[in-house]
C-alpha atoms as a PDB file:
ATOM      1  CA  UNK A   1      18.163 -39.708  48.410  1.00  0.00           C
ATOM      2  CA  UNK A   2      15.903 -38.552  51.228  1.00  0.00           C
ATOM      3  CA  UNK A   3      12.229 -37.750  50.777  1.00  0.00           C
ATOM      4  CA  UNK A   4      12.872 -34.015  51.170  1.00  0.00           C
ATOM      5  CA  UNK A   5      15.603 -34.090  48.561  1.00  0.00           C
ATOM      6  CA  UNK A   6      13.345 -35.943  46.137  1.00  0.00           C
ATOM      7  CA  UNK A   7      10.620 -33.326  46.555  1.00  0.00           C
ATOM      8  CA  UNK A   8      13.141 -30.505  46.163  1.00  0.00           C
ATOM      9  CA  UNK A   9      14.551 -32.154  43.052  1.00  0.00           C
ATOM     10  CA  UNK A  10      11.028 -32.541  41.621  1.00  0.00           C
ATOM     11  CA  UNK A  11      10.288 -28.870  42.233  1.00  0.00           C
ATOM     12  CA  UNK A  12      13.559 -27.859  40.576  1.00  0.00           C
ATOM     13  CA  UNK A  13      12.775 -29.995  37.524  1.00  0.00           C
ATOM     14  CA  UNK A  14       9.235 -28.602  37.371  1.00  0.00           C
ATOM     15  CA  UNK A  15      10.522 -25.052  37.641  1.00  0.00           C
ATOM     16  CA  UNK A  16      13.063 -25.724  34.891  1.00  0.00           C
ATOM     17  CA  UNK A  17      10.368 -27.157  32.617  1.00  0.00           C
ATOM     18  CA  UNK A  18       8.127 -24.174  33.317  1.00  0.00           C
ATOM     19  CA  UNK A  19      10.972 -21.726  32.642  1.00  0.00           C
ATOM     20  CA  UNK A  20      11.841 -23.456  29.364  1.00  0.00           C
ATOM     21  CA  UNK A  21       8.210 -23.364  28.302  1.00  0.00           C
ATOM     22  CA  UNK A  22       7.832 -19.698  29.239  1.00  0.00           C
ATOM     23  CA  UNK A  23      11.000 -18.520  27.510  1.00  0.00           C
ATOM     24  CA  UNK A  24      10.259 -20.747  24.538  1.00  0.00           C
ATOM     25  CA  UNK A  25       6.858 -19.130  24.186  1.00  0.00           C
ATOM     26  CA  UNK A  26       8.405 -15.655  24.467  1.00  0.00           C
ATOM     27  CA  UNK A  27      10.896 -16.569  21.734  1.00  0.00           C
ATOM     28  CA  UNK A  28       8.028 -17.771  19.538  1.00  0.00           C
ATOM     29  CA  UNK A  29       6.031 -14.586  20.054  1.00  0.00           C
ATOM     30  CA  UNK A  30       9.005 -12.266  19.534  1.00  0.00           C
ATOM     31  CA  UNK A  31      10.694 -13.904  16.572  1.00  0.00           C
ATOM     32  CA  UNK A  32       8.594 -16.581  14.885  1.00  0.00           C
ATOM     33  CA  UNK A  33       5.277 -14.750  15.212  1.00  0.00           C
ATOM     34  CA  UNK A  34       6.783 -11.405  14.202  1.00  0.00           C
ATOM     35  CA  UNK A  35       8.314 -13.002  11.136  1.00  0.00           C
ATOM     36  CA  UNK A  36       4.916 -14.394  10.162  1.00  0.00           C
ATOM     37  CA  UNK A  37       3.362 -10.939  10.525  1.00  0.00           C
ATOM     38  CA  UNK A  38       6.171  -9.384   8.477  1.00  0.00           C
ATOM     39  CA  UNK A  39       5.665 -11.897   5.680  1.00  0.00           C
ATOM     40  CA  UNK A  40       1.950 -11.146   5.580  1.00  0.00           C
ATOM     41  CA  UNK A  41       2.610  -7.401   5.503  1.00  0.00           C
ATOM     42  CA  UNK A  42       5.113  -7.732   2.654  1.00  0.00           C
ATOM     43  CA  UNK A  43       2.709  -9.995   0.761  1.00  0.00           C
ATOM     44  CA  UNK A  44       0.189  -7.158   0.794  1.00  0.00           C
ATOM     45  CA  UNK A  45       2.774  -4.671  -0.471  1.00  0.00           C
ATOM     46  CA  UNK A  46       4.761  -6.614  -3.055  1.00  0.00           C
ATOM     47  CA  UNK A  47       3.842  -6.130  -6.692  1.00  0.00           C
ATOM     48  CA  UNK A  48       5.448  -6.391 -10.078  1.00  0.00           C
ATOM     49  CA  UNK A  49       2.489  -5.492 -12.266  1.00  0.00           C
ATOM     50  CA  UNK A  50      -0.912  -3.856 -11.894  1.00  0.00           C
ATOM     51  CA  UNK A  51      -1.498  -2.137  -8.564  1.00  0.00           C
ATOM     52  CA  UNK A  52      -4.407   0.195  -9.391  1.00  0.00           C
ATOM     53  CA  UNK A  53      -6.698   1.345 -12.173  1.00  0.00           C
ATOM     54  CA  UNK A  54      -8.347   4.700 -12.830  1.00  0.00           C
ATOM     55  CA  UNK A  55     -11.433   5.493 -14.882  1.00  0.00           C
ATOM     56  CA  UNK A  56     -13.155   8.813 -15.564  1.00  0.00           C
ATOM     57  CA  UNK A  57     -16.774   8.314 -14.496  1.00  0.00           C
ATOM     58  CA  UNK A  58     -18.137  11.838 -15.011  1.00  0.00           C
ATOM     59  CA  UNK A  59     -17.259  15.193 -16.558  1.00  0.00           C
ATOM     60  CA  UNK A  60     -19.554  18.161 -16.034  1.00  0.00           C
ATOM     61  CA  UNK A  61     -19.460  21.970 -15.927  1.00  0.00           C
ATOM     62  CA  UNK A  62     -18.175  23.601 -12.771  1.00  0.00           C
ATOM     63  CA  UNK A  63     -21.218  25.489 -11.393  1.00  0.00           C
ATOM     64  CA  UNK A  64     -18.925  27.829  -9.492  1.00  0.00           C
ATOM     65  CA  UNK A  65     -17.410  29.098 -12.756  1.00  0.00           C
ATOM     66  CA  UNK A  66     -20.092  28.876 -15.397  1.00  0.00           C
ATOM     67  CA  UNK A  67     -20.911  27.071 -18.581  1.00  0.00           C
ATOM     68  CA  UNK A  68     -18.558  24.310 -19.710  1.00  0.00           C
ATOM     69  CA  UNK A  69     -16.283  25.520 -22.441  1.00  0.00           C
ATOM     70  CA  UNK A  70     -15.853  28.980 -20.939  1.00  0.00           C
ATOM     71  CA  UNK A  71     -12.202  28.723 -20.086  1.00  0.00           C
ATOM     72  CA  UNK A  72     -12.436  24.929 -19.876  1.00  0.00           C
ATOM     73  CA  UNK A  73     -14.129  24.999 -16.466  1.00  0.00           C
ATOM     74  CA  UNK A  74     -15.066  21.360 -15.830  1.00  0.00           C
ATOM     75  CA  UNK A  75     -15.306  18.949 -12.910  1.00  0.00           C
ATOM     76  CA  UNK A  76     -13.755  15.529 -13.497  1.00  0.00           C
ATOM     77  CA  UNK A  77     -14.730  12.569 -11.323  1.00  0.00           C
ATOM     78  CA  UNK A  78     -12.430   9.542 -11.314  1.00  0.00           C
ATOM     79  CA  UNK A  79     -12.811   6.063  -9.895  1.00  0.00           C
ATOM     80  CA  UNK A  80      -9.600   4.902  -8.174  1.00  0.00           C
ATOM     81  CA  UNK A  81      -9.429   1.141  -7.684  1.00  0.00           C
ATOM     82  CA  UNK A  82      -6.477  -0.524  -5.945  1.00  0.00           C
ATOM     83  CA  UNK A  83      -5.617  -4.220  -6.277  1.00  0.00           C
ATOM     84  CA  UNK A  84      -3.847  -6.484  -3.805  1.00  0.00           C
ATOM     85  CA  UNK A  85      -0.977  -8.734  -4.928  1.00  0.00           C
ATOM     86  CA  UNK A  86      -3.427 -11.554  -5.660  1.00  0.00           C
ATOM     87  CA  UNK A  87      -5.297  -9.363  -8.117  1.00  0.00           C
ATOM     88  CA  UNK A  88      -8.308  -8.845  -5.865  1.00  0.00           C
ATOM     89  CA  UNK A  89      -9.864  -5.358  -5.990  1.00  0.00           C
ATOM     90  CA  UNK A  90     -10.049  -3.263  -2.837  1.00  0.00           C
ATOM     91  CA  UNK A  91     -12.891  -0.865  -2.083  1.00  0.00           C
ATOM     92  CA  UNK A  92     -12.951   1.805  -4.845  1.00  0.00           C
ATOM     93  CA  UNK A  93     -12.598   5.500  -4.079  1.00  0.00           C
ATOM     94  CA  UNK A  94     -14.128   8.389  -6.036  1.00  0.00           C
ATOM     95  CA  UNK A  95     -12.506  11.823  -6.317  1.00  0.00           C
ATOM     96  CA  UNK A  96     -13.852  14.924  -8.066  1.00  0.00           C
ATOM     97  CA  UNK A  97     -11.363  17.551  -9.254  1.00  0.00           C
ATOM     98  CA  UNK A  98     -11.550  20.911 -10.995  1.00  0.00           C
ATOM     99  CA  UNK A  99      -9.479  19.888 -13.996  1.00  0.00           C
ATOM    100  CA  UNK A 100      -8.111  16.552 -15.166  1.00  0.00           C
ATOM    101  CA  UNK A 101      -4.297  16.616 -14.830  1.00  0.00           C
ATOM    102  CA  UNK A 102      -4.176  14.393 -11.765  1.00  0.00           C
ATOM    103  CA  UNK A 103      -1.236  12.903  -9.844  1.00  0.00           C
ATOM    104  CA  UNK A 104      -0.959  10.121  -7.274  1.00  0.00           C
ATOM    105  CA  UNK A 105       1.488  10.683  -4.444  1.00  0.00           C
ATOM    106  CA  UNK A 106       3.013   7.438  -3.210  1.00  0.00           C
ATOM    107  CA  UNK A 107       5.851   6.241  -1.015  1.00  0.00           C
ATOM    108  CA  UNK A 108       8.080   3.716  -2.794  1.00  0.00           C
ATOM    109  CA  UNK A 109      10.685   1.706  -0.891  1.00  0.00           C
ATOM    110  CA  UNK A 110      13.429   0.024  -2.941  1.00  0.00           C
ATOM    111  CA  UNK A 111      15.659  -2.602  -1.375  1.00  0.00           C
ATOM    112  CA  UNK A 112      19.342  -3.199  -2.089  1.00  0.00           C
ATOM    113  CA  UNK A 113      20.047  -4.699  -5.517  1.00  0.00           C
ATOM    114  CA  UNK A 114      21.430  -7.895  -3.960  1.00  0.00           C
ATOM    115  CA  UNK A 115      18.044  -8.713  -2.414  1.00  0.00           C
ATOM    116  CA  UNK A 116      16.246  -8.098  -5.708  1.00  0.00           C
ATOM    117  CA  UNK A 117      18.824 -10.098  -7.685  1.00  0.00           C
ATOM    118  CA  UNK A 118      18.643 -13.068  -5.341  1.00  0.00           C
ATOM    119  CA  UNK A 119      14.853 -12.965  -5.087  1.00  0.00           C
ATOM    120  CA  UNK A 120      14.815 -12.439  -1.318  1.00  0.00           C
ATOM    121  CA  UNK A 121      11.416 -13.528   0.031  1.00  0.00           C
ATOM    122  CA  UNK A 122      10.916 -10.331   2.045  1.00  0.00           C
ATOM    123  CA  UNK A 123      13.065  -7.769   0.245  1.00  0.00           C
ATOM    124  CA  UNK A 124      13.144  -8.958  -3.351  1.00  0.00           C
ATOM    125  CA  UNK A 125      10.645  -6.422  -4.619  1.00  0.00           C
ATOM    126  CA  UNK A 126       9.841  -2.755  -4.242  1.00  0.00           C
ATOM    127  CA  UNK A 127       7.202  -1.870  -1.664  1.00  0.00           C
ATOM    128  CA  UNK A 128       4.715   0.932  -2.253  1.00  0.00           C
ATOM    129  CA  UNK A 129       1.906   2.799  -0.584  1.00  0.00           C
ATOM    130  CA  UNK A 130      -0.520   5.282  -2.154  1.00  0.00           C
ATOM    131  CA  UNK A 131      -0.853   8.421  -0.033  1.00  0.00           C
ATOM    132  CA  UNK A 132      -2.777  11.134  -1.900  1.00  0.00           C
ATOM    133  CA  UNK A 133      -4.499  12.002  -5.175  1.00  0.00           C
ATOM    134  CA  UNK A 134      -3.986  15.643  -6.110  1.00  0.00           C
ATOM    135  CA  UNK A 135      -3.884  18.421  -8.700  1.00  0.00           C
ATOM    136  CA  UNK A 136      -0.973  20.806  -8.220  1.00  0.00           C
ATOM    137  CA  UNK A 137      -2.091  24.360  -8.949  1.00  0.00           C
ATOM    138  CA  UNK A 138      -0.344  26.711  -6.541  1.00  0.00           C
ATOM    139  CA  UNK A 139      -2.702  28.161  -3.941  1.00  0.00           C
ATOM    140  CA  UNK A 140      -5.571  26.276  -5.609  1.00  0.00           C
ATOM    141  CA  UNK A 141      -3.988  22.852  -5.128  1.00  0.00           C
ATOM    142  CA  UNK A 142      -6.602  20.140  -4.619  1.00  0.00           C
ATOM    143  CA  UNK A 143      -5.908  16.879  -2.791  1.00  0.00           C
ATOM    144  CA  UNK A 144      -7.669  13.811  -1.412  1.00  0.00           C
ATOM    145  CA  UNK A 145      -6.142  11.470   1.145  1.00  0.00           C
ATOM    146  CA  UNK A 146      -5.868   7.781   0.231  1.00  0.00           C
ATOM    147  CA  UNK A 147      -3.952   6.602   3.318  1.00  0.00           C
ATOM    148  CA  UNK A 148      -2.985   8.300   6.576  1.00  0.00           C
ATOM    149  CA  UNK A 149       0.549   8.525   7.910  1.00  0.00           C
ATOM    150  CA  UNK A 150       1.345   6.170  10.817  1.00  0.00           C
ATOM    151  CA  UNK A 151      -1.828   4.150  10.310  1.00  0.00           C
ATOM    152  CA  UNK A 152      -2.277   0.690   8.827  1.00  0.00           C
ATOM    153  CA  UNK A 153      -3.732   1.376   5.352  1.00  0.00           C
ATOM    154  CA  UNK A 154      -7.165  -0.009   4.539  1.00  0.00           C
ATOM    155  CA  UNK A 155      -6.835  -3.161   2.499  1.00  0.00           C
ATOM    156  CA  UNK A 156      -3.389  -4.086   3.849  1.00  0.00           C
ATOM    157  CA  UNK A 157      -4.287  -4.863   7.452  1.00  0.00           C
ATOM    158  CA  UNK A 158      -3.757  -8.460   8.518  1.00  0.00           C
ATOM    159  CA  UNK A 159      -6.990 -10.136   9.615  1.00  0.00           C
ATOM    160  CA  UNK A 160      -7.735 -10.006  13.312  1.00  0.00           C
ATOM    161  CA  UNK A 161      -6.619  -7.502  15.904  1.00  0.00           C
ATOM    162  CA  UNK A 162      -3.540  -5.538  14.873  1.00  0.00           C
ATOM    163  CA  UNK A 163      -0.421  -6.566  16.764  1.00  0.00           C
ATOM    164  CA  UNK A 164       2.012  -4.072  18.251  1.00  0.00           C
ATOM    165  CA  UNK A 165       4.631  -5.291  15.799  1.00  0.00           C
ATOM    166  CA  UNK A 166       2.344  -4.599  12.836  1.00  0.00           C
ATOM    167  CA  UNK A 167       1.651  -1.061  14.089  1.00  0.00           C
ATOM    168  CA  UNK A 168       5.364  -0.404  14.615  1.00  0.00           C
ATOM    169  CA  UNK A 169       6.162  -1.704  11.128  1.00  0.00           C
ATOM    170  CA  UNK A 170       3.873   0.868   9.531  1.00  0.00           C
ATOM    171  CA  UNK A 171       5.250   3.694  11.629  1.00  0.00           C
ATOM    172  CA  UNK A 172       8.762   2.726  10.508  1.00  0.00           C
ATOM    173  CA  UNK A 173       7.571   2.368   6.922  1.00  0.00           C
ATOM    174  CA  UNK A 174       6.930   6.100   6.774  1.00  0.00           C
ATOM    175  CA  UNK A 175      10.226   6.893   8.526  1.00  0.00           C
ATOM    176  CA  UNK A 176      12.386   5.139   5.930  1.00  0.00           C
ATOM    177  CA  UNK A 177      12.173   8.146   3.597  1.00  0.00           C
ATOM    178  CA  UNK A 178      13.400  10.463   6.361  1.00  0.00           C
ATOM    179  CA  UNK A 179      15.865   8.322   8.319  1.00  0.00           C
ATOM    180  CA  UNK A 180      18.771   7.098   6.176  1.00  0.00           C
ATOM    181  CA  UNK A 181      20.399   5.121   9.000  1.00  0.00           C
ATOM    182  CA  UNK A 182      17.188   3.237   9.765  1.00  0.00           C
ATOM    183  CA  UNK A 183      16.714   2.495   6.068  1.00  0.00           C
ATOM    184  CA  UNK A 184      20.209   1.026   5.718  1.00  0.00           C
ATOM    185  CA  UNK A 185      19.664  -1.239   8.727  1.00  0.00           C
ATOM    186  CA  UNK A 186      16.640  -2.711   6.921  1.00  0.00           C
ATOM    187  CA  UNK A 187      18.561  -3.236   3.682  1.00  0.00           C
ATOM    188  CA  UNK A 188      16.763  -0.390   1.938  1.00  0.00           C
ATOM    189  CA  UNK A 189      18.451   1.207  -1.064  1.00  0.00           C
ATOM    190  CA  UNK A 190      16.232   4.281  -1.015  1.00  0.00           C
ATOM    191  CA  UNK A 191      12.759   5.382   0.000  1.00  0.00           C
ATOM    192  CA  UNK A 192      11.125   8.380  -1.583  1.00  0.00           C
ATOM    193  CA  UNK A 193       7.858  10.029  -2.488  1.00  0.00           C
ATOM    194  CA  UNK A 194       6.796   9.712  -6.123  1.00  0.00           C
ATOM    195  CA  UNK A 195       3.911  11.382  -7.912  1.00  0.00           C
ATOM    196  CA  UNK A 196       3.145   9.870 -11.326  1.00  0.00           C
ATOM    197  CA  UNK A 197       0.346  11.636 -13.147  1.00  0.00           C
ATOM    198  CA  UNK A 198      -1.298  12.304 -16.486  1.00  0.00           C
ATOM    199  CA  UNK A 199      -4.383  13.879 -18.059  1.00  0.00           C
ATOM    200  CA  UNK A 200      -7.425  11.708 -17.428  1.00  0.00           C
ATOM    201  CA  UNK A 201     -10.108  11.677 -20.122  1.00  0.00           C
ATOM    202  CA  UNK A 202     -13.318   9.653 -20.648  1.00  0.00           C
ATOM    203  CA  UNK A 203     -13.163   6.460 -22.668  1.00  0.00           C
ATOM    204  CA  UNK A 204      -9.762   5.386 -21.356  1.00  0.00           C
ATOM    205  CA  UNK A 205      -8.615   2.957 -18.667  1.00  0.00           C
ATOM    206  CA  UNK A 206      -5.458   4.015 -16.818  1.00  0.00           C
ATOM    207  CA  UNK A 207      -3.390   1.286 -15.188  1.00  0.00           C
ATOM    208  CA  UNK A 208      -0.781   2.041 -12.511  1.00  0.00           C
ATOM    209  CA  UNK A 209       2.047  -0.500 -12.427  1.00  0.00           C
ATOM    210  CA  UNK A 210       5.168  -1.018 -10.334  1.00  0.00           C
ATOM    211  CA  UNK A 211       8.348  -2.855 -11.256  1.00  0.00           C
ATOM    212  CA  UNK A 212      10.416  -5.076  -8.942  1.00  0.00           C
ATOM    213  CA  UNK A 213      13.255  -2.588  -8.636  1.00  0.00           C
ATOM    214  CA  UNK A 214      11.653   0.513 -10.091  1.00  0.00           C
ATOM    215  CA  UNK A 215       8.970   3.098  -9.537  1.00  0.00           C
ATOM    216  CA  UNK A 216       5.325   3.494 -10.476  1.00  0.00           C
ATOM    217  CA  UNK A 217       4.210   4.242 -14.030  1.00  0.00           C
ATOM    218  CA  UNK A 218       0.833   4.889 -15.678  1.00  0.00           C
ATOM    219  CA  UNK A 219      -0.246   3.026 -18.810  1.00  0.00           C
ATOM    220  CA  UNK A 220      -3.353   4.065 -20.781  1.00  0.00           C
ATOM    221  CA  UNK A 221      -5.556   2.158 -23.175  1.00  0.00           C
ATOM    222  CA  UNK A 222      -9.002   2.644 -24.690  1.00  0.00           C
ATOM    223  CA  UNK A 223     -12.006   0.907 -23.184  1.00  0.00           C
ATOM    224  CA  UNK A 224     -12.621  -2.221 -25.322  1.00  0.00           C
ATOM    225  CA  UNK A 225     -14.975  -1.446 -28.194  1.00  0.00           C
ATOM    226  CA  UNK A 226     -17.339  -4.242 -27.217  1.00  0.00           C
ATOM    227  CA  UNK A 227     -18.138  -2.467 -23.942  1.00  0.00           C
ATOM    228  CA  UNK A 228     -18.771   1.018 -25.310  1.00  0.00           C
ATOM    229  CA  UNK A 229     -22.430   2.060 -25.144  1.00  0.00           C
ATOM    230  CA  UNK A 230     -23.437  -1.139 -23.353  1.00  0.00           C
ATOM    231  CA  UNK A 231     -24.841  -1.668 -19.884  1.00  0.00           C
ATOM    232  CA  UNK A 232     -23.164  -4.026 -17.421  1.00  0.00           C
ATOM    233  CA  UNK A 233     -25.156  -4.874 -14.300  1.00  0.00           C
ATOM    234  CA  UNK A 234     -27.576  -2.092 -15.189  1.00  0.00           C
ATOM    235  CA  UNK A 235     -24.953   0.626 -15.540  1.00  0.00           C
ATOM    236  CA  UNK A 236     -23.735   2.437 -18.655  1.00  0.00           C
ATOM    237  CA  UNK A 237     -20.139   1.857 -19.725  1.00  0.00           C
END
Protein backbone atom coordinates (compact mmCIF):
# COMPACT_ATOMS: atom_id res chain seq x y z
CA UNK A 1 0.00 0.00 0.00
CA UNK A 2 1.44 3.35 -1.05
CA UNK A 3 2.11 6.20 1.35
CA UNK A 4 -0.82 8.21 -0.03
CA UNK A 5 -3.18 5.28 0.38
CA UNK A 6 -2.04 4.76 3.96
CA UNK A 7 -2.72 8.41 4.79
CA UNK A 8 -6.10 8.27 3.06
CA UNK A 9 -6.96 5.09 4.94
CA UNK A 10 -5.94 6.73 8.24
CA UNK A 11 -8.14 9.73 7.53
CA UNK A 12 -11.07 7.47 6.67
CA UNK A 13 -10.64 5.53 9.91
CA UNK A 14 -10.33 8.76 11.89
CA UNK A 15 -13.44 10.17 10.26
CA UNK A 16 -15.33 6.95 11.00
CA UNK A 17 -14.26 7.05 14.65
CA UNK A 18 -15.28 10.70 14.90
CA UNK A 19 -18.65 9.99 13.26
CA UNK A 20 -19.31 7.07 15.62
CA UNK A 21 -18.42 9.22 18.60
CA UNK A 22 -20.61 12.10 17.42
CA UNK A 23 -23.67 9.99 16.65
CA UNK A 24 -23.14 7.98 19.82
CA UNK A 25 -23.16 11.19 21.83
CA UNK A 26 -26.31 12.37 20.05
CA UNK A 27 -27.99 9.05 20.85
CA UNK A 28 -26.98 9.44 24.50
CA UNK A 29 -28.35 12.97 24.71
CA UNK A 30 -31.60 12.16 22.90
CA UNK A 31 -32.51 8.85 24.50
CA UNK A 32 -30.44 8.00 27.56
CA UNK A 33 -30.32 11.54 28.96
CA UNK A 34 -34.00 12.18 28.23
CA UNK A 35 -34.93 8.96 29.99
CA UNK A 36 -32.95 10.07 33.04
CA UNK A 37 -34.78 13.41 33.05
CA UNK A 38 -38.14 11.65 32.68
CA UNK A 39 -37.40 9.38 35.62
CA UNK A 40 -36.50 12.36 37.79
CA UNK A 41 -39.68 14.18 36.76
CA UNK A 42 -41.86 11.17 37.54
CA UNK A 43 -40.09 10.70 40.87
CA UNK A 44 -41.21 14.19 41.83
CA UNK A 45 -44.80 13.47 40.81
CA UNK A 46 -45.41 9.91 41.99
CA UNK A 47 -47.21 9.45 45.28
CA UNK A 48 -49.35 6.89 47.00
CA UNK A 49 -49.92 8.64 50.32
CA UNK A 50 -49.59 12.13 51.76
CA UNK A 51 -49.01 14.87 49.20
CA UNK A 52 -50.02 17.99 51.16
CA UNK A 53 -51.34 19.21 54.49
CA UNK A 54 -53.56 22.16 55.37
CA UNK A 55 -53.92 23.98 58.67
CA UNK A 56 -56.10 26.95 59.62
CA UNK A 57 -53.70 29.54 61.05
CA UNK A 58 -56.10 32.46 61.61
CA UNK A 59 -59.79 33.33 61.67
CA UNK A 60 -60.87 36.94 62.09
CA UNK A 61 -63.77 39.26 61.25
CA UNK A 62 -63.97 40.60 57.72
CA UNK A 63 -63.49 44.38 58.12
CA UNK A 64 -65.27 44.97 54.83
CA UNK A 65 -68.48 43.46 56.23
CA UNK A 66 -68.53 44.16 59.94
CA UNK A 67 -68.39 42.39 63.24
CA UNK A 68 -67.81 38.64 63.22
CA UNK A 69 -71.02 36.77 63.76
CA UNK A 70 -73.10 39.19 61.69
CA UNK A 71 -73.97 36.84 58.88
CA UNK A 72 -70.87 34.75 59.56
CA UNK A 73 -68.53 37.26 57.91
CA UNK A 74 -65.05 35.90 58.65
CA UNK A 75 -61.66 35.70 56.97
CA UNK A 76 -59.96 32.30 57.13
CA UNK A 77 -56.22 31.98 56.56
CA UNK A 78 -54.84 28.53 55.74
CA UNK A 79 -51.32 27.19 55.51
CA UNK A 80 -50.89 24.93 52.45
CA UNK A 81 -47.84 22.68 52.67
CA UNK A 82 -46.91 20.29 49.85
CA UNK A 83 -44.60 17.29 50.28
CA UNK A 84 -42.36 15.62 47.71
CA UNK A 85 -42.37 11.83 47.28
CA UNK A 86 -39.57 11.50 49.84
CA UNK A 87 -41.71 13.19 52.47
CA UNK A 88 -39.75 16.45 52.43
CA UNK A 89 -41.84 19.62 52.81
CA UNK A 90 -41.81 22.25 50.08
CA UNK A 91 -42.10 25.97 50.75
CA UNK A 92 -45.49 26.60 52.44
CA UNK A 93 -48.08 28.93 50.95
CA UNK A 94 -50.64 31.01 52.86
CA UNK A 95 -54.07 31.91 51.47
CA UNK A 96 -56.76 34.07 53.07
CA UNK A 97 -60.38 33.53 52.01
CA UNK A 98 -63.74 35.06 52.86
CA UNK A 99 -65.30 31.86 54.14
CA UNK A 100 -63.89 28.41 54.85
CA UNK A 101 -65.33 25.95 52.29
CA UNK A 102 -62.16 25.67 50.24
CA UNK A 103 -61.26 23.47 47.26
CA UNK A 104 -57.97 22.55 45.61
CA UNK A 105 -58.00 22.30 41.83
CA UNK A 106 -55.53 19.72 40.56
CA UNK A 107 -54.68 17.87 37.37
CA UNK A 108 -54.54 14.10 37.88
CA UNK A 109 -53.13 11.80 35.21
CA UNK A 110 -53.98 8.09 35.48
CA UNK A 111 -52.11 5.53 33.40
CA UNK A 112 -53.51 2.36 31.86
CA UNK A 113 -54.36 -0.36 34.39
CA UNK A 114 -51.70 -2.69 32.94
CA UNK A 115 -48.92 -0.27 33.91
CA UNK A 116 -50.30 0.08 37.44
CA UNK A 117 -50.80 -3.68 37.81
CA UNK A 118 -47.29 -4.49 36.64
CA UNK A 119 -45.69 -1.72 38.70
CA UNK A 120 -44.21 0.07 35.69
CA UNK A 121 -41.31 2.25 36.87
CA UNK A 122 -42.55 5.34 35.01
CA UNK A 123 -46.29 4.75 34.65
CA UNK A 124 -47.20 2.59 37.63
CA UNK A 125 -48.74 5.38 39.64
CA UNK A 126 -51.03 8.34 39.15
CA UNK A 127 -49.35 11.69 38.56
CA UNK A 128 -50.77 14.90 40.00
CA UNK A 129 -50.22 18.63 40.03
CA UNK A 130 -51.90 21.22 42.25
CA UNK A 131 -53.12 24.20 40.22
CA UNK A 132 -55.33 26.48 42.33
CA UNK A 133 -56.92 26.95 45.75
CA UNK A 134 -60.38 28.48 45.50
CA UNK A 135 -63.83 29.13 46.94
CA UNK A 136 -66.61 28.78 44.38
CA UNK A 137 -69.24 31.47 44.96
CA UNK A 138 -70.55 32.64 41.60
CA UNK A 139 -69.41 36.15 40.72
CA UNK A 140 -67.62 36.32 44.09
CA UNK A 141 -65.41 33.30 43.40
CA UNK A 142 -62.01 33.62 45.07
CA UNK A 143 -58.89 31.84 43.83
CA UNK A 144 -55.14 31.68 44.38
CA UNK A 145 -52.70 30.17 41.91
CA UNK A 146 -50.44 27.36 43.14
CA UNK A 147 -48.79 26.49 39.81
CA UNK A 148 -48.87 28.12 36.37
CA UNK A 149 -49.82 26.34 33.18
CA UNK A 150 -46.90 25.46 30.87
CA UNK A 151 -44.31 26.20 33.54
CA UNK A 152 -42.22 23.81 35.60
CA UNK A 153 -43.87 23.90 39.06
CA UNK A 154 -41.81 25.09 42.00
CA UNK A 155 -40.55 22.14 43.98
CA UNK A 156 -40.58 19.72 41.03
CA UNK A 157 -37.83 21.24 38.91
CA UNK A 158 -34.76 19.06 38.43
CA UNK A 159 -31.61 20.67 39.82
CA UNK A 160 -29.57 22.68 37.36
CA UNK A 161 -30.65 24.45 34.21
CA UNK A 162 -33.93 23.15 32.81
CA UNK A 163 -33.48 21.10 29.65
CA UNK A 164 -35.64 21.53 26.58
CA UNK A 165 -37.00 18.04 27.14
CA UNK A 166 -38.07 18.90 30.69
CA UNK A 167 -39.87 22.04 29.48
CA UNK A 168 -41.63 20.09 26.72
CA UNK A 169 -42.69 17.41 29.20
CA UNK A 170 -44.52 19.96 31.34
CA UNK A 171 -46.20 21.56 28.36
CA UNK A 172 -47.46 18.11 27.30
CA UNK A 173 -48.48 17.34 30.87
CA UNK A 174 -51.14 20.02 30.68
CA UNK A 175 -52.23 18.92 27.20
CA UNK A 176 -53.06 15.36 28.25
CA UNK A 177 -56.43 16.46 29.64
CA UNK A 178 -57.34 18.11 26.32
CA UNK A 179 -55.73 15.84 23.71
CA UNK A 180 -57.05 12.27 23.87
CA UNK A 181 -54.80 11.01 21.06
CA UNK A 182 -51.67 12.35 22.73
CA UNK A 183 -52.74 10.80 26.03
CA UNK A 184 -53.22 7.36 24.48
CA UNK A 185 -49.77 7.49 22.89
CA UNK A 186 -48.30 7.97 26.38
CA UNK A 187 -50.30 5.08 27.84
CA UNK A 188 -52.61 7.41 29.75
CA UNK A 189 -56.01 6.08 30.78
CA UNK A 190 -57.43 9.52 31.51
CA UNK A 191 -56.35 12.98 32.60
CA UNK A 192 -58.76 15.34 34.25
CA UNK A 193 -59.13 18.26 36.61
CA UNK A 194 -60.26 17.40 40.14
CA UNK A 195 -61.25 19.73 42.95
CA UNK A 196 -61.47 18.02 46.35
CA UNK A 197 -62.58 20.34 49.12
CA UNK A 198 -64.08 20.60 52.58
CA UNK A 199 -64.81 23.09 55.36
CA UNK A 200 -61.59 24.08 57.10
CA UNK A 201 -61.80 24.88 60.81
CA UNK A 202 -59.20 25.64 63.52
CA UNK A 203 -57.82 22.79 65.59
CA UNK A 204 -57.74 20.29 62.73
CA UNK A 205 -55.02 19.03 60.39
CA UNK A 206 -56.20 18.22 56.87
CA UNK A 207 -54.15 15.74 54.86
CA UNK A 208 -54.46 15.44 51.07
CA UNK A 209 -53.64 11.96 49.78
CA UNK A 210 -53.48 10.29 46.38
CA UNK A 211 -53.83 6.62 45.53
CA UNK A 212 -51.83 4.71 42.90
CA UNK A 213 -54.74 4.41 40.50
CA UNK A 214 -57.18 6.87 42.02
CA UNK A 215 -57.79 10.52 42.72
CA UNK A 216 -57.06 12.91 45.56
CA UNK A 217 -58.95 12.78 48.86
CA UNK A 218 -58.88 14.87 52.05
CA UNK A 219 -58.57 13.26 55.48
CA UNK A 220 -59.07 15.29 58.68
CA UNK A 221 -57.90 14.71 62.22
CA UNK A 222 -57.61 16.80 65.37
CA UNK A 223 -54.31 18.37 66.32
CA UNK A 224 -52.72 16.04 68.94
CA UNK A 225 -53.78 17.04 72.44
CA UNK A 226 -50.19 17.32 73.61
CA UNK A 227 -49.59 20.22 71.21
CA UNK A 228 -52.68 22.28 72.02
CA UNK A 229 -51.90 25.50 73.89
CA UNK A 230 -48.15 24.91 73.69
CA UNK A 231 -45.44 26.87 71.93
CA UNK A 232 -43.10 25.21 69.44
CA UNK A 233 -40.08 27.25 68.36
CA UNK A 234 -41.66 30.29 69.99
CA UNK A 235 -44.99 30.03 68.19
CA UNK A 236 -48.42 29.11 69.55
CA UNK A 237 -49.98 25.87 68.33
